[in-house]
């Protein structure tokens, strides 16, 4: 197995920067489970595969000829985590479909990588195959998002666009999560609808509120000002899917 070169190390380290990932059209995945899911994905093309020199056996046989070997120090240099993993891979971003096929999620300026990763997992759990994000939403290929998605990034299509133009053009019912909406349990959700979730601190942008077909809310019984956006998404998607 070929040893990783210094030039390759430098390139992979540069992918911690969003602008470089976008220019190259790739993203980085760390960890045995995540990398093996990526290798099994038919939508993602492998660009580079690194394995710790003592862990070659964990790679499927068909990928061993293209894998690069790295020692502990090199894996530490490449990792964006406190504790480096045995495997690291770089994949091409998938080609995006121009059409929708079912109920969608829309995210308006969700900023926290952990929230974004959790929402990807929720979409995967509830069978939502596409998330449409405002351009201000955190990059879904941010390494922290990828890690928090626990493999969902390989199965969910994520599109970044101007929601102010997308939502009316979609000509679909938009269910917006607001504090003053109708009780989410009494709403009838259409199978081709869009669930719009807002920013962690400010909620849905003022300019998007007129585009909401039905405002929905999760009733509050205590003193908390708001729910975490990922928690609220989980509750609402469970209701959307309850009769499916």
C-alpha atoms as a PDB file:
ATOM      1  CA  UNK A   1       0.000   0.000   0.000  1.00  0.00           C
ATOM      2  CA  UNK A   2       1.332   3.413  -0.978  1.00  0.00           C
ATOM      3  CA  UNK A   3       2.235   5.835   1.800  1.00  0.00           C
ATOM      4  CA  UNK A   4       0.512   9.213   1.794  1.00  0.00           C
ATOM      5  CA  UNK A   5       2.612  12.071   0.433  1.00  0.00           C
ATOM      6  CA  UNK A   6       3.187  15.463   2.043  1.00  0.00           C
ATOM      7  CA  UNK A   7       1.373  17.120  -0.850  1.00  0.00           C
ATOM      8  CA  UNK A   8      -1.665  14.937  -0.284  1.00  0.00           C
ATOM      9  CA  UNK A   9      -1.624  15.736   3.441  1.00  0.00           C
ATOM     10  CA  UNK A  10      -1.514  19.464   2.660  1.00  0.00           C
ATOM     11  CA  UNK A  11      -4.448  19.161   0.237  1.00  0.00           C
ATOM     12  CA  UNK A  12      -6.647  17.223   2.643  1.00  0.00           C
ATOM     13  CA  UNK A  13      -5.895  19.656   5.457  1.00  0.00           C
ATOM     14  CA  UNK A  14      -6.933  22.527   3.189  1.00  0.00           C
ATOM     15  CA  UNK A  15     -10.389  20.933   2.897  1.00  0.00           C
ATOM     16  CA  UNK A  16     -11.178  22.080   6.425  1.00  0.00           C
ATOM     17  CA  UNK A  17     -11.919  25.431   4.711  1.00  0.00           C
ATOM     18  CA  UNK A  18     -15.379  25.846   3.182  1.00  0.00           C
ATOM     19  CA  UNK A  19     -14.161  27.790   0.140  1.00  0.00           C
ATOM     20  CA  UNK A  20     -11.655  25.068  -0.753  1.00  0.00           C
ATOM     21  CA  UNK A  21     -14.266  22.304  -0.378  1.00  0.00           C
ATOM     22  CA  UNK A  22     -16.595  24.240  -2.678  1.00  0.00           C
ATOM     23  CA  UNK A  23     -13.881  24.901  -5.258  1.00  0.00           C
ATOM     24  CA  UNK A  24     -12.890  21.249  -5.298  1.00  0.00           C
ATOM     25  CA  UNK A  25     -16.482  19.943  -5.083  1.00  0.00           C
ATOM     26  CA  UNK A  26     -15.550  17.456  -2.362  1.00  0.00           C
ATOM     27  CA  UNK A  27     -16.000  16.807   1.360  1.00  0.00           C
ATOM     28  CA  UNK A  28     -14.145  14.928   4.106  1.00  0.00           C
ATOM     29  CA  UNK A  29     -15.476  12.015   6.161  1.00  0.00           C
ATOM     30  CA  UNK A  30     -13.840  10.519   9.245  1.00  0.00           C
ATOM     31  CA  UNK A  31     -14.481   7.343  11.197  1.00  0.00           C
ATOM     32  CA  UNK A  32     -14.862   3.679  10.320  1.00  0.00           C
ATOM     33  CA  UNK A  33     -18.677   3.585  10.206  1.00  0.00           C
ATOM     34  CA  UNK A  34     -19.034   6.811   8.233  1.00  0.00           C
ATOM     35  CA  UNK A  35     -16.320   6.021   5.691  1.00  0.00           C
ATOM     36  CA  UNK A  36     -17.621   2.499   5.079  1.00  0.00           C
ATOM     37  CA  UNK A  37     -21.123   3.937   4.489  1.00  0.00           C
ATOM     38  CA  UNK A  38     -19.626   6.348   1.996  1.00  0.00           C
ATOM     39  CA  UNK A  39     -17.802   3.561   0.186  1.00  0.00           C
ATOM     40  CA  UNK A  40     -21.092   1.669  -0.084  1.00  0.00           C
ATOM     41  CA  UNK A  41     -22.967   4.716  -1.404  1.00  0.00           C
ATOM     42  CA  UNK A  42     -23.799   4.698  -5.117  1.00  0.00           C
ATOM     43  CA  UNK A  43     -24.235   8.471  -5.189  1.00  0.00           C
ATOM     44  CA  UNK A  44     -20.757   9.428  -4.017  1.00  0.00           C
ATOM     45  CA  UNK A  45     -17.478   8.963  -5.858  1.00  0.00           C
ATOM     46  CA  UNK A  46     -14.356   8.258  -3.803  1.00  0.00           C
ATOM     47  CA  UNK A  47     -11.511  10.730  -4.327  1.00  0.00           C
ATOM     48  CA  UNK A  48      -9.066   9.658  -1.615  1.00  0.00           C
ATOM     49  CA  UNK A  49      -9.015   6.975   1.080  1.00  0.00           C
ATOM     50  CA  UNK A  50      -6.643   6.972   4.041  1.00  0.00           C
ATOM     51  CA  UNK A  51      -6.184   4.199   6.551  1.00  0.00           C
ATOM     52  CA  UNK A  52      -3.976   3.902   9.606  1.00  0.00           C
ATOM     53  CA  UNK A  53      -1.087   1.622   8.677  1.00  0.00           C
ATOM     54  CA  UNK A  54      -2.099  -0.942  11.322  1.00  0.00           C
ATOM     55  CA  UNK A  55      -5.789  -1.093  10.342  1.00  0.00           C
ATOM     56  CA  UNK A  56      -5.739  -2.093   6.660  1.00  0.00           C
ATOM     57  CA  UNK A  57      -7.988  -5.095   7.326  1.00  0.00           C
ATOM     58  CA  UNK A  58     -11.029  -2.891   7.989  1.00  0.00           C
ATOM     59  CA  UNK A  59     -11.102  -1.692   4.358  1.00  0.00           C
ATOM     60  CA  UNK A  60     -13.184  -3.736   1.888  1.00  0.00           C
ATOM     61  CA  UNK A  61     -10.904  -5.716  -0.414  1.00  0.00           C
ATOM     62  CA  UNK A  62     -11.921  -3.810  -3.557  1.00  0.00           C
ATOM     63  CA  UNK A  63     -10.601  -0.517  -2.134  1.00  0.00           C
ATOM     64  CA  UNK A  64      -7.236  -1.661  -0.828  1.00  0.00           C
ATOM     65  CA  UNK A  65      -5.376  -0.942  -4.049  1.00  0.00           C
ATOM     66  CA  UNK A  66      -6.378   2.732  -3.995  1.00  0.00           C
ATOM     67  CA  UNK A  67      -6.020   3.340  -0.252  1.00  0.00           C
ATOM     68  CA  UNK A  68      -3.134   5.341   1.162  1.00  0.00           C
ATOM     69  CA  UNK A  69      -1.345   4.403   4.377  1.00  0.00           C
ATOM     70  CA  UNK A  70      -0.760   6.937   7.171  1.00  0.00           C
ATOM     71  CA  UNK A  71       0.891   6.658  10.566  1.00  0.00           C
ATOM     72  CA  UNK A  72      -0.516   7.994  13.838  1.00  0.00           C
ATOM     73  CA  UNK A  73       1.137  11.408  13.493  1.00  0.00           C
ATOM     74  CA  UNK A  74      -0.135  11.856   9.943  1.00  0.00           C
ATOM     75  CA  UNK A  75      -3.678  10.865  10.929  1.00  0.00           C
ATOM     76  CA  UNK A  76      -3.522  13.453  13.717  1.00  0.00           C
ATOM     77  CA  UNK A  77      -2.398  16.113  11.229  1.00  0.00           C
ATOM     78  CA  UNK A  78      -5.305  15.304   8.925  1.00  0.00           C
ATOM     79  CA  UNK A  79      -8.069  14.910  11.468  1.00  0.00           C
ATOM     80  CA  UNK A  80     -10.456  17.675  12.434  1.00  0.00           C
ATOM     81  CA  UNK A  81     -11.330  15.758  15.612  1.00  0.00           C
ATOM     82  CA  UNK A  82      -9.633  15.672  19.006  1.00  0.00           C
ATOM     83  CA  UNK A  83      -9.129  11.926  18.654  1.00  0.00           C
ATOM     84  CA  UNK A  84      -8.231  10.807  15.106  1.00  0.00           C
ATOM     85  CA  UNK A  85     -10.004   7.820  13.587  1.00  0.00           C
ATOM     86  CA  UNK A  86      -8.655   4.780  11.754  1.00  0.00           C
ATOM     87  CA  UNK A  87     -10.182   5.843   8.448  1.00  0.00           C
ATOM     88  CA  UNK A  88     -10.532   9.129   6.575  1.00  0.00           C
ATOM     89  CA  UNK A  89     -11.934   9.614   3.090  1.00  0.00           C
ATOM     90  CA  UNK A  90     -12.614  12.382   0.596  1.00  0.00           C
ATOM     91  CA  UNK A  91     -15.713  12.074  -1.594  1.00  0.00           C
ATOM     92  CA  UNK A  92     -17.097  14.077  -4.489  1.00  0.00           C
ATOM     93  CA  UNK A  93     -20.322  15.938  -3.815  1.00  0.00           C
ATOM     94  CA  UNK A  94     -23.252  14.305  -5.594  1.00  0.00           C
ATOM     95  CA  UNK A  95     -25.078  15.848  -8.538  1.00  0.00           C
ATOM     96  CA  UNK A  96     -28.303  17.470  -7.340  1.00  0.00           C
ATOM     97  CA  UNK A  97     -31.701  16.608  -8.749  1.00  0.00           C
ATOM     98  CA  UNK A  98     -33.732  19.532 -10.063  1.00  0.00           C
ATOM     99  CA  UNK A  99     -37.102  18.120  -9.019  1.00  0.00           C
ATOM    100  CA  UNK A 100     -38.723  17.048  -5.775  1.00  0.00           C
ATOM    101  CA  UNK A 101     -40.527  13.786  -5.115  1.00  0.00           C
ATOM    102  CA  UNK A 102     -42.159  14.077  -1.674  1.00  0.00           C
ATOM    103  CA  UNK A 103     -42.502  16.109   1.520  1.00  0.00           C
ATOM    104  CA  UNK A 104     -39.499  18.424   2.002  1.00  0.00           C
ATOM    105  CA  UNK A 105     -37.758  20.301   4.767  1.00  0.00           C
ATOM    106  CA  UNK A 106     -36.679  23.918   4.278  1.00  0.00           C
ATOM    107  CA  UNK A 107     -34.144  25.529   6.609  1.00  0.00           C
ATOM    108  CA  UNK A 108     -33.851  29.288   7.020  1.00  0.00           C
ATOM    109  CA  UNK A 109     -30.440  30.349   8.366  1.00  0.00           C
ATOM    110  CA  UNK A 110     -29.863  27.365  10.671  1.00  0.00           C
ATOM    111  CA  UNK A 111     -26.325  28.046  11.898  1.00  0.00           C
ATOM    112  CA  UNK A 112     -25.213  25.376  14.348  1.00  0.00           C
ATOM    113  CA  UNK A 113     -23.386  22.395  12.780  1.00  0.00           C
ATOM    114  CA  UNK A 114     -24.718  20.061  15.464  1.00  0.00           C
ATOM    115  CA  UNK A 115     -28.296  21.097  14.733  1.00  0.00           C
ATOM    116  CA  UNK A 116     -27.758  20.679  11.009  1.00  0.00           C
ATOM    117  CA  UNK A 117     -26.265  17.220  11.443  1.00  0.00           C
ATOM    118  CA  UNK A 118     -29.128  16.166  13.710  1.00  0.00           C
ATOM    119  CA  UNK A 119     -31.705  17.484  11.226  1.00  0.00           C
ATOM    120  CA  UNK A 120     -30.044  15.408   8.492  1.00  0.00           C
ATOM    121  CA  UNK A 121     -30.408  12.334  10.735  1.00  0.00           C
ATOM    122  CA  UNK A 122     -34.047  13.196  11.392  1.00  0.00           C
ATOM    123  CA  UNK A 123     -34.737  13.579   7.679  1.00  0.00           C
ATOM    124  CA  UNK A 124     -33.141  10.186   7.115  1.00  0.00           C
ATOM    125  CA  UNK A 125     -35.242   8.616   9.908  1.00  0.00           C
ATOM    126  CA  UNK A 126     -38.529  10.073   8.704  1.00  0.00           C
ATOM    127  CA  UNK A 127     -37.925   9.403   5.008  1.00  0.00           C
ATOM    128  CA  UNK A 128     -37.441  13.029   3.948  1.00  0.00           C
ATOM    129  CA  UNK A 129     -35.071  12.729   1.004  1.00  0.00           C
ATOM    130  CA  UNK A 130     -34.444  16.416   0.303  1.00  0.00           C
ATOM    131  CA  UNK A 131     -33.663  19.507   2.400  1.00  0.00           C
ATOM    132  CA  UNK A 132     -33.768  22.957   0.806  1.00  0.00           C
ATOM    133  CA  UNK A 133     -31.640  25.530   2.648  1.00  0.00           C
ATOM    134  CA  UNK A 134     -31.235  29.275   2.515  1.00  0.00           C
ATOM    135  CA  UNK A 135     -27.768  30.359   1.459  1.00  0.00           C
ATOM    136  CA  UNK A 136     -27.171  31.568   5.032  1.00  0.00           C
ATOM    137  CA  UNK A 137     -27.619  28.055   6.445  1.00  0.00           C
ATOM    138  CA  UNK A 138     -24.475  26.274   7.648  1.00  0.00           C
ATOM    139  CA  UNK A 139     -22.614  24.242   5.003  1.00  0.00           C
ATOM    140  CA  UNK A 140     -23.861  20.655   5.140  1.00  0.00           C
ATOM    141  CA  UNK A 141     -20.333  19.520   4.246  1.00  0.00           C
ATOM    142  CA  UNK A 142     -18.800  21.247   7.241  1.00  0.00           C
ATOM    143  CA  UNK A 143     -16.849  18.414   8.942  1.00  0.00           C
ATOM    144  CA  UNK A 144     -18.827  18.888  12.169  1.00  0.00           C
ATOM    145  CA  UNK A 145     -22.117  18.572  10.274  1.00  0.00           C
ATOM    146  CA  UNK A 146     -20.897  15.486   8.424  1.00  0.00           C
ATOM    147  CA  UNK A 147     -19.853  13.884  11.709  1.00  0.00           C
ATOM    148  CA  UNK A 148     -23.140  14.755  13.451  1.00  0.00           C
ATOM    149  CA  UNK A 149     -25.168  13.379  10.522  1.00  0.00           C
ATOM    150  CA  UNK A 150     -23.971   9.837  11.335  1.00  0.00           C
ATOM    151  CA  UNK A 151     -24.058   8.814   7.678  1.00  0.00           C
ATOM    152  CA  UNK A 152     -27.286  10.593   6.710  1.00  0.00           C
ATOM    153  CA  UNK A 153     -25.258  12.979   4.532  1.00  0.00           C
ATOM    154  CA  UNK A 154     -24.878  10.068   2.083  1.00  0.00           C
ATOM    155  CA  UNK A 155     -28.636   9.617   1.698  1.00  0.00           C
ATOM    156  CA  UNK A 156     -30.167  13.102   1.907  1.00  0.00           C
ATOM    157  CA  UNK A 157     -30.039  15.603  -0.941  1.00  0.00           C
ATOM    158  CA  UNK A 158     -29.267  19.131   0.316  1.00  0.00           C
ATOM    159  CA  UNK A 159     -29.904  22.142  -1.912  1.00  0.00           C
ATOM    160  CA  UNK A 160     -28.883  25.743  -1.192  1.00  0.00           C
ATOM    161  CA  UNK A 161     -30.990  28.454  -2.807  1.00  0.00           C
ATOM    162  CA  UNK A 162     -32.893  31.702  -2.257  1.00  0.00           C
ATOM    163  CA  UNK A 163     -35.965  30.597  -0.278  1.00  0.00           C
ATOM    164  CA  UNK A 164     -37.683  33.884  -1.106  1.00  0.00           C
ATOM    165  CA  UNK A 165     -37.837  32.724  -4.721  1.00  0.00           C
ATOM    166  CA  UNK A 166     -38.030  28.979  -4.168  1.00  0.00           C
ATOM    167  CA  UNK A 167     -41.051  28.757  -1.856  1.00  0.00           C
ATOM    168  CA  UNK A 168     -43.556  30.576  -4.101  1.00  0.00           C
ATOM    169  CA  UNK A 169     -42.169  28.951  -7.253  1.00  0.00           C
ATOM    170  CA  UNK A 170     -42.655  25.495  -5.726  1.00  0.00           C
ATOM    171  CA  UNK A 171     -46.440  26.074  -5.572  1.00  0.00           C
ATOM    172  CA  UNK A 172     -46.719  23.757  -2.597  1.00  0.00           C
ATOM    173  CA  UNK A 173     -48.187  24.228   0.899  1.00  0.00           C
ATOM    174  CA  UNK A 174     -45.605  25.670   3.307  1.00  0.00           C
ATOM    175  CA  UNK A 175     -45.913  24.824   7.013  1.00  0.00           C
ATOM    176  CA  UNK A 176     -43.898  27.356   8.993  1.00  0.00           C
ATOM    177  CA  UNK A 177     -42.824  26.737  12.600  1.00  0.00           C
ATOM    178  CA  UNK A 178     -43.790  29.893  14.515  1.00  0.00           C
ATOM    179  CA  UNK A 179     -44.608  30.666  18.149  1.00  0.00           C
ATOM    180  CA  UNK A 180     -48.065  31.972  17.228  1.00  0.00           C
ATOM    181  CA  UNK A 181     -49.224  29.252  14.837  1.00  0.00           C
ATOM    182  CA  UNK A 182     -51.960  26.634  15.056  1.00  0.00           C
ATOM    183  CA  UNK A 183     -51.382  23.636  17.310  1.00  0.00           C
ATOM    184  CA  UNK A 184     -49.271  21.290  15.187  1.00  0.00           C
ATOM    185  CA  UNK A 185     -51.465  18.305  16.113  1.00  0.00           C
ATOM    186  CA  UNK A 186     -54.616  19.811  14.596  1.00  0.00           C
ATOM    187  CA  UNK A 187     -53.077  20.604  11.216  1.00  0.00           C
ATOM    188  CA  UNK A 188     -53.622  18.380   8.167  1.00  0.00           C
ATOM    189  CA  UNK A 189     -50.273  18.022   6.376  1.00  0.00           C
ATOM    190  CA  UNK A 190     -50.278  17.502   2.609  1.00  0.00           C
ATOM    191  CA  UNK A 191     -47.901  14.808   1.273  1.00  0.00           C
ATOM    192  CA  UNK A 192     -46.223  17.300  -1.073  1.00  0.00           C
ATOM    193  CA  UNK A 193     -45.797  20.002   1.583  1.00  0.00           C
ATOM    194  CA  UNK A 194     -42.733  21.848   2.832  1.00  0.00           C
ATOM    195  CA  UNK A 195     -41.892  22.232   6.537  1.00  0.00           C
ATOM    196  CA  UNK A 196     -40.025  25.517   7.061  1.00  0.00           C
ATOM    197  CA  UNK A 197     -37.788  25.787  10.143  1.00  0.00           C
ATOM    198  CA  UNK A 198     -36.037  28.991  11.205  1.00  0.00           C
ATOM    199  CA  UNK A 199     -32.829  30.253  12.743  1.00  0.00           C
ATOM    200  CA  UNK A 200     -31.900  29.153  16.285  1.00  0.00           C
ATOM    201  CA  UNK A 201     -32.200  32.649  17.755  1.00  0.00           C
ATOM    202  CA  UNK A 202     -34.451  34.611  15.423  1.00  0.00           C
ATOM    203  CA  UNK A 203     -36.783  32.012  13.948  1.00  0.00           C
ATOM    204  CA  UNK A 204     -38.097  32.354  10.397  1.00  0.00           C
ATOM    205  CA  UNK A 205     -37.063  35.537   8.567  1.00  0.00           C
ATOM    206  CA  UNK A 206     -39.687  38.291   8.396  1.00  0.00           C
ATOM    207  CA  UNK A 207     -39.624  38.298   4.586  1.00  0.00           C
ATOM    208  CA  UNK A 208     -40.479  34.588   4.444  1.00  0.00           C
ATOM    209  CA  UNK A 209     -43.457  34.719   6.816  1.00  0.00           C
ATOM    210  CA  UNK A 210     -45.913  35.934   4.112  1.00  0.00           C
ATOM    211  CA  UNK A 211     -45.000  32.830   2.083  1.00  0.00           C
ATOM    212  CA  UNK A 212     -46.210  30.469   4.829  1.00  0.00           C
ATOM    213  CA  UNK A 213     -49.458  28.691   3.974  1.00  0.00           C
ATOM    214  CA  UNK A 214     -50.045  27.410   7.511  1.00  0.00           C
ATOM    215  CA  UNK A 215     -48.209  28.543  10.643  1.00  0.00           C
ATOM    216  CA  UNK A 216     -47.775  25.712  13.147  1.00  0.00           C
ATOM    217  CA  UNK A 217     -46.629  25.748  16.761  1.00  0.00           C
ATOM    218  CA  UNK A 218     -45.730  23.259  19.478  1.00  0.00           C
ATOM    219  CA  UNK A 219     -47.706  24.325  22.585  1.00  0.00           C
ATOM    220  CA  UNK A 220     -45.609  25.579  25.491  1.00  0.00           C
ATOM    221  CA  UNK A 221     -46.424  24.520  29.065  1.00  0.00           C
ATOM    222  CA  UNK A 222     -43.384  25.891  30.894  1.00  0.00           C
ATOM    223  CA  UNK A 223     -41.258  29.050  30.954  1.00  0.00           C
ATOM    224  CA  UNK A 224     -38.748  28.259  28.178  1.00  0.00           C
ATOM    225  CA  UNK A 225     -38.650  30.889  25.424  1.00  0.00           C
ATOM    226  CA  UNK A 226     -38.220  28.413  22.601  1.00  0.00           C
ATOM    227  CA  UNK A 227     -37.313  24.867  21.576  1.00  0.00           C
ATOM    228  CA  UNK A 228     -34.042  23.803  20.004  1.00  0.00           C
ATOM    229  CA  UNK A 229     -34.615  23.786  16.228  1.00  0.00           C
ATOM    230  CA  UNK A 230     -33.591  20.141  15.846  1.00  0.00           C
ATOM    231  CA  UNK A 231     -35.895  19.093  18.705  1.00  0.00           C
ATOM    232  CA  UNK A 232     -38.784  21.038  17.172  1.00  0.00           C
ATOM    233  CA  UNK A 233     -38.077  19.460  13.788  1.00  0.00           C
ATOM    234  CA  UNK A 234     -38.254  15.978  15.325  1.00  0.00           C
ATOM    235  CA  UNK A 235     -41.617  16.678  16.966  1.00  0.00           C
ATOM    236  CA  UNK A 236     -43.127  18.168  13.813  1.00  0.00           C
ATOM    237  CA  UNK A 237     -41.852  15.455  11.462  1.00  0.00           C
ATOM    238  CA  UNK A 238     -43.246  12.767  13.765  1.00  0.00           C
ATOM    239  CA  UNK A 239     -46.652  14.421  13.388  1.00  0.00           C
ATOM    240  CA  UNK A 240     -46.280  14.834   9.627  1.00  0.00           C
ATOM    241  CA  UNK A 241     -45.529  11.119   9.285  1.00  0.00           C
ATOM    242  CA  UNK A 242     -47.968   9.725  11.846  1.00  0.00           C
ATOM    243  CA  UNK A 243     -50.532   8.540   9.282  1.00  0.00           C
ATOM    244  CA  UNK A 244     -48.068   7.311   6.627  1.00  0.00           C
END
